[in-house]
Protein backbone atom coordinates (compact mmCIF):
# COMPACT_ATOMS: atom_id res chain seq x y z
CA MET A 1 0.00 0.00 0.00
CA MET A 2 2.80 2.41 0.83
CA ARG A 3 4.42 1.77 -2.55
CA SER A 4 1.12 2.40 -4.37
CA ARG A 5 0.41 5.61 -2.47
CA SER A 6 3.93 6.84 -3.20
CA ARG A 7 3.38 6.27 -6.92
CA VAL A 8 0.13 8.23 -6.82
CA GLN A 9 1.79 11.10 -5.00
CA ASP A 10 4.70 11.08 -7.45
CA PHE A 11 2.30 11.10 -10.40
CA GLU A 12 0.31 14.01 -8.97
CA GLU A 13 3.49 15.96 -8.27
CA LYS A 14 4.60 15.57 -11.88
CA ALA A 15 1.15 16.60 -13.13
CA PHE A 16 1.19 19.62 -10.80
CA ASN A 17 4.58 20.66 -12.17
CA LEU A 18 3.28 20.37 -15.72
CA LEU A 19 0.38 22.62 -14.75
CA ARG A 20 2.69 25.08 -13.01
CA ASP A 21 4.93 25.30 -16.09
CA LEU A 22 1.93 25.82 -18.37
CA ILE A 23 0.68 28.67 -16.18
CA TYR A 24 4.13 30.26 -16.31
CA ALA A 25 4.33 29.99 -20.11
CA ARG A 26 0.86 31.48 -20.63
CA THR A 27 0.83 34.22 -17.96
CA GLY A 28 4.42 34.86 -16.87
CA LEU A 29 3.49 34.16 -13.23
CA TYR A 30 6.33 32.17 -11.73
CA TYR A 31 5.87 29.83 -8.81
CA GLY A 32 9.21 28.52 -7.61
CA ASP A 33 9.48 25.55 -5.27
CA ASP A 34 9.06 27.86 -2.29
CA ARG A 35 5.67 29.09 -3.60
CA CYS A 36 4.16 25.82 -4.81
CA GLU A 37 2.01 25.51 -1.71
CA LEU A 38 0.46 28.90 -2.43
CA LEU A 39 -0.30 27.88 -6.01
CA GLU A 40 -1.82 24.62 -4.84
CA GLU A 41 -4.12 26.52 -2.47
CA LYS A 42 -5.40 28.49 -5.46
CA LEU A 43 -5.65 25.54 -7.85
CA ALA A 44 -7.20 22.86 -5.64
CA PRO A 45 -10.64 24.55 -5.38
CA LEU A 46 -10.76 25.08 -9.16
CA VAL A 47 -9.92 21.44 -9.86
CA ALA A 48 -12.57 20.27 -7.40
CA GLU A 49 -15.27 22.67 -8.60
CA ARG A 50 -14.82 21.58 -12.21
CA GLY A 51 -15.14 17.92 -11.23
CA PHE A 52 -11.67 16.86 -12.30
CA ASN A 53 -10.07 13.91 -10.55
CA SER A 54 -6.46 15.05 -10.90
CA TYR A 55 -4.17 17.92 -11.81
CA LEU A 56 -3.41 16.06 -15.04
CA ASP A 57 -7.08 16.24 -16.09
CA TYR A 58 -7.10 19.96 -15.37
CA TYR A 59 -3.83 20.40 -17.28
CA ARG A 60 -5.32 18.64 -20.32
CA CYS A 61 -8.39 20.87 -20.19
CA LEU A 62 -6.28 24.03 -20.10
CA LYS A 63 -3.87 22.88 -22.75
CA ASP A 64 -6.18 21.77 -25.50
CA GLY A 65 -9.63 20.98 -24.16
CA THR A 66 -12.89 22.48 -25.39
CA CYS A 67 -13.22 24.22 -22.01
CA ALA A 68 -9.80 25.87 -22.26
CA ALA A 69 -10.78 29.49 -23.02
CA LEU A 70 -13.32 29.80 -20.22
CA GLU A 71 -11.19 27.85 -17.78
CA TRP A 72 -8.14 30.03 -18.40
CA GLN A 73 -10.19 33.07 -17.38
CA ARG A 74 -11.32 31.36 -14.18
CA LEU A 75 -7.75 30.36 -13.44
CA ILE A 76 -6.32 33.81 -14.12
CA ASP A 77 -8.95 35.46 -11.95
CA ALA A 78 -8.04 33.06 -9.13
CA ILE A 79 -4.24 33.41 -9.24
CA THR A 80 -3.74 37.09 -10.04
CA VAL A 81 -3.32 39.67 -7.29
CA GLN A 82 -6.13 42.23 -7.55
CA GLU A 83 -5.44 44.21 -4.38
CA SER A 84 -4.67 47.88 -4.91
CA TYR A 85 -5.58 51.30 -3.57
CA PHE A 86 -5.67 54.94 -4.63
CA TRP A 87 -2.75 57.36 -4.25
CA ARG A 88 -0.17 54.56 -4.02
CA GLU A 89 3.59 55.21 -4.46
CA MET A 90 2.88 58.79 -5.44
CA GLY A 91 6.46 59.95 -6.05
CA GLN A 92 6.32 58.63 -9.61
CA VAL A 93 2.87 60.08 -10.24
CA HIS A 94 4.02 63.52 -9.04
CA ALA A 95 7.07 63.20 -11.30
CA LEU A 96 4.76 62.43 -14.21
CA VAL A 97 2.53 65.45 -13.55
CA GLU A 98 5.24 67.95 -12.63
CA GLU A 99 8.18 66.91 -14.84
CA ILE A 100 7.42 64.39 -17.57
CA VAL A 101 4.14 65.78 -18.93
CA PRO A 102 5.40 69.41 -19.14
CA ALA A 103 8.55 68.26 -20.96
CA TYR A 104 6.61 66.09 -23.39
CA VAL A 105 4.06 68.80 -24.19
CA ALA A 106 6.83 71.33 -24.79
CA GLN A 107 8.77 68.96 -27.07
CA HIS A 108 5.74 67.53 -28.92
CA PRO A 109 3.20 70.36 -29.33
CA GLY A 110 -0.17 69.17 -30.52
CA GLN A 111 0.66 65.46 -30.11
CA THR A 112 -1.26 63.11 -27.86
CA LEU A 113 0.63 61.73 -24.87
CA ARG A 114 -0.32 58.13 -24.16
CA ILE A 115 0.14 56.77 -20.65
CA TRP A 116 -0.22 53.02 -20.25
CA SER A 117 -1.11 51.48 -16.90
CA ALA A 118 -0.13 47.86 -17.45
CA ALA A 119 -1.55 45.25 -15.08
CA CYS A 120 -3.99 47.83 -13.70
CA ALA A 121 -5.93 45.31 -11.56
CA THR A 122 -9.22 46.91 -10.48
CA GLY A 123 -8.34 50.37 -11.75
CA GLU A 124 -7.02 52.33 -8.79
CA GLU A 125 -3.70 53.17 -10.46
CA PRO A 126 -5.01 54.67 -13.72
CA LEU A 127 -7.73 56.56 -11.85
CA THR A 128 -5.06 57.94 -9.52
CA ILE A 129 -3.08 59.13 -12.54
CA ALA A 130 -6.21 60.70 -14.01
CA MET A 131 -7.03 62.51 -10.75
CA ALA A 132 -3.49 63.86 -10.45
CA LEU A 133 -3.51 65.13 -14.03
CA GLU A 134 -6.97 66.65 -13.57
CA GLU A 135 -5.91 68.42 -10.40
CA ALA A 136 -2.97 69.95 -12.25
CA GLY A 137 -5.21 71.04 -15.13
CA TRP A 138 -3.43 69.01 -17.77
CA PHE A 139 -6.49 67.63 -19.52
CA ALA A 140 -7.54 71.20 -20.33
CA ARG A 141 -4.10 72.09 -21.70
CA ALA A 142 -2.95 69.00 -23.59
CA SER A 143 -4.15 65.87 -25.36
CA ILE A 144 -3.56 62.98 -22.94
CA GLU A 145 -4.74 59.41 -23.33
CA ILE A 146 -4.70 56.90 -20.47
CA VAL A 147 -4.96 53.22 -21.41
CA ALA A 148 -5.31 50.65 -18.63
CA SER A 149 -4.95 46.92 -19.20
CA ASP A 150 -5.00 43.71 -17.22
CA ILE A 151 -4.95 40.00 -17.94
CA SER A 152 -7.94 39.38 -15.66
CA ALA A 153 -11.41 39.87 -17.10
CA ALA A 154 -12.88 39.93 -13.60
CA ALA A 155 -10.53 42.70 -12.47
CA LEU A 156 -11.33 44.76 -15.56
CA ALA A 157 -15.05 44.29 -14.99
CA ARG A 158 -14.64 45.77 -11.52
CA ALA A 159 -12.52 48.60 -12.92
CA ARG A 160 -15.15 49.43 -15.54
CA ARG A 161 -17.84 49.34 -12.88
CA GLY A 162 -15.87 51.92 -10.88
CA TRP A 163 -17.28 51.07 -7.46
CA TYR A 164 -14.87 50.80 -4.52
CA ARG A 165 -15.01 50.00 -0.84
CA ALA A 166 -13.55 52.24 1.87
CA ARG A 167 -10.29 50.24 2.01
CA ALA A 168 -9.29 51.47 -1.45
CA PHE A 169 -9.28 55.08 -0.17
CA ARG A 170 -6.90 54.66 2.75
CA ASN A 171 -4.26 56.91 1.11
CA LEU A 172 -6.45 59.24 -0.91
CA PRO A 173 -7.02 62.70 0.58
CA ARG A 174 -10.64 63.03 1.69
CA THR A 175 -11.11 66.17 -0.38
CA LEU A 176 -10.27 64.22 -3.55
CA GLN A 177 -12.45 61.30 -2.54
CA ARG A 178 -15.44 63.60 -2.17
CA LYS A 179 -14.56 65.46 -5.38
CA TYR A 180 -14.23 62.45 -7.70
CA PHE A 181 -16.45 59.83 -6.06
CA THR A 182 -19.98 59.68 -4.74
CA PRO A 183 -21.18 57.39 -1.90
CA VAL A 184 -23.27 54.49 -3.23
CA ASN A 185 -24.39 51.23 -1.57
CA GLU A 186 -21.86 51.20 1.28
CA GLY A 187 -19.09 52.09 -1.14
CA TRP A 188 -18.01 54.86 -3.50
CA GLN A 189 -18.73 55.24 -7.21
CA VAL A 190 -16.25 57.06 -9.44
CA LEU A 191 -17.78 60.01 -11.27
CA PRO A 192 -18.40 59.41 -15.00
CA ALA A 193 -16.26 62.38 -16.03
CA LEU A 194 -13.19 60.80 -14.43
CA GLN A 195 -14.05 57.27 -15.58
CA ARG A 196 -14.20 58.48 -19.17
CA ARG A 197 -10.55 59.48 -18.97
CA ILE A 198 -9.57 55.79 -19.00
CA GLN A 199 -9.64 53.33 -21.89
CA TRP A 200 -9.92 49.81 -20.44
CA ARG A 201 -8.46 46.87 -22.33
CA GLN A 202 -7.70 43.21 -21.64
CA ALA A 203 -4.11 42.27 -22.45
CA ASN A 204 -1.60 39.62 -21.42
CA LEU A 205 1.88 41.05 -20.90
CA VAL A 206 3.59 37.91 -22.15
CA VAL A 207 1.66 37.80 -25.44
CA ARG A 208 3.54 40.07 -27.82
CA GLU A 209 0.63 40.70 -30.16
CA GLU A 210 -1.62 41.88 -27.32
CA ILE A 211 0.70 44.62 -26.07
CA LEU A 212 2.69 45.61 -29.15
CA ASP A 213 0.82 48.86 -29.76
CA LEU A 214 0.44 49.62 -26.03
CA ALA A 215 4.20 49.44 -25.55
CA THR A 216 4.68 52.43 -27.86
CA ALA A 217 3.44 54.66 -25.03
CA PRO A 218 6.13 57.12 -23.89
CA VAL A 219 5.08 56.48 -20.27
CA ILE A 220 4.41 53.01 -18.89
CA PHE A 221 3.37 52.18 -15.35
CA CYS A 222 4.07 48.48 -14.79
CA ARG A 223 4.25 48.39 -11.01
CA ASN A 224 4.34 45.34 -8.75
CA VAL A 225 4.18 42.94 -11.69
CA PHE A 226 7.73 41.68 -12.13
CA ILE A 227 7.91 40.54 -8.51
CA TYR A 228 5.72 37.66 -9.72
CA PHE A 229 7.75 36.98 -12.89
CA SER A 230 10.99 35.11 -13.38
CA ARG A 231 13.97 37.25 -14.35
CA GLU A 232 13.88 35.81 -17.87
CA MET A 233 10.18 36.59 -18.33
CA ALA A 234 10.67 40.11 -16.97
CA ARG A 235 13.54 40.59 -19.42
CA ARG A 236 11.36 39.48 -22.31
CA VAL A 237 8.62 41.96 -21.43
CA VAL A 238 10.97 44.87 -20.68
CA GLU A 239 12.91 44.36 -23.90
CA LEU A 240 9.64 44.59 -25.83
CA PHE A 241 8.93 47.87 -24.03
CA ALA A 242 12.39 49.15 -25.00
CA GLU A 243 11.94 48.02 -28.60
CA GLN A 244 8.63 49.84 -28.99
CA MET A 245 9.11 52.99 -26.88
CA SER A 246 10.61 56.14 -28.33
CA ALA A 247 13.40 57.87 -26.43
CA PRO A 248 13.12 59.21 -23.88
CA GLY A 249 10.65 56.64 -22.61
CA TYR A 250 9.67 56.38 -18.96
CA LEU A 251 9.01 53.08 -17.18
CA CYS A 252 7.63 53.15 -13.63
CA LEU A 253 8.13 50.00 -11.55
CA GLY A 254 7.13 49.22 -7.98
CA ALA A 255 9.37 50.15 -5.07
CA ALA A 256 10.39 46.52 -4.54
CA GLU A 257 11.30 45.94 -8.20
CA SER A 258 14.57 46.44 -10.05
CA LEU A 259 15.90 45.97 -13.57
CA PHE A 260 19.39 45.22 -12.24
CA ARG A 261 20.65 42.14 -14.10
CA VAL A 262 17.52 42.22 -16.27
CA THR A 263 18.34 44.78 -18.98
CA THR A 264 20.59 47.72 -19.80
CA ALA A 265 17.99 49.32 -22.06
CA PHE A 266 16.78 51.53 -19.20
CA ARG A 267 18.69 53.53 -16.62
CA LEU A 268 17.30 54.45 -13.22
CA GLU A 269 16.93 58.20 -12.68
CA GLN A 270 15.58 60.46 -9.98
CA ILE A 271 12.91 62.61 -11.61
CA GLY A 272 11.32 65.04 -9.19
CA GLU A 273 10.03 62.91 -6.30
CA GLY A 274 10.19 59.60 -8.14
CA LEU A 275 12.70 56.94 -9.15
CA ILE A 276 11.88 56.07 -12.76
CA TYR A 277 13.56 53.95 -15.41
CA VAL A 278 14.35 55.97 -18.54
CA LYS A 279 14.97 54.36 -21.90
CA ALA A 280 18.57 54.92 -22.90
CA THR A 281 19.00 56.90 -26.13
């Protein structure tokens, strides 16, 4: 009996690793050996709910089964981190408003400045950028386009809905909360005028065709994403950014992220209050 149980466990471990590698290839999310338990906690309920008897069955469904498209969305919604809040890591946003936008407008009169919020989760980051630009009066003075994307359809649905609980406002000044949101159903609804500043779009950062045009944006916010990627996958995405962006191009990463040993295409600079990666000319 012990020998039989060991074989079953070994088989399941191999199937789990196949599934883990498939998730990495399709989404860029990397679960090393130290994070396998976390991934298993997220996967086990999905496998059970769908009525599969093993990780191998679930792997086969995701890889080439008729249920693959719908199941990938369920999986992505389950494993992606959708926690965010307004007015987060504001040094870079202030640098955008006070330094980068004025320089771009002066150097490119009449042109539209595109700002891309990659992996925007439920929308707090692009709405923060829009509020900061509105407060500084930039929408009245220049043509600015904000595009926000995420791999998760569920996260984007919440972003498009624009309704947030109190926790999302823990950093936002109360004056701005009252100015740009209205209380609704024990939460807060973003005002339509601000919501219209954002173009929402589903995109997978590791699928070249889905982000090729987005990566031409002179300003990219891709914060707290690469902490979940392997170094090689982060390099692949960043090199696509560098290939598509004009110079100077500005790449904002999270405080815990670094491009050291990833690429030399960007150099880290202090711009106003923020540390921002600038595409080398």
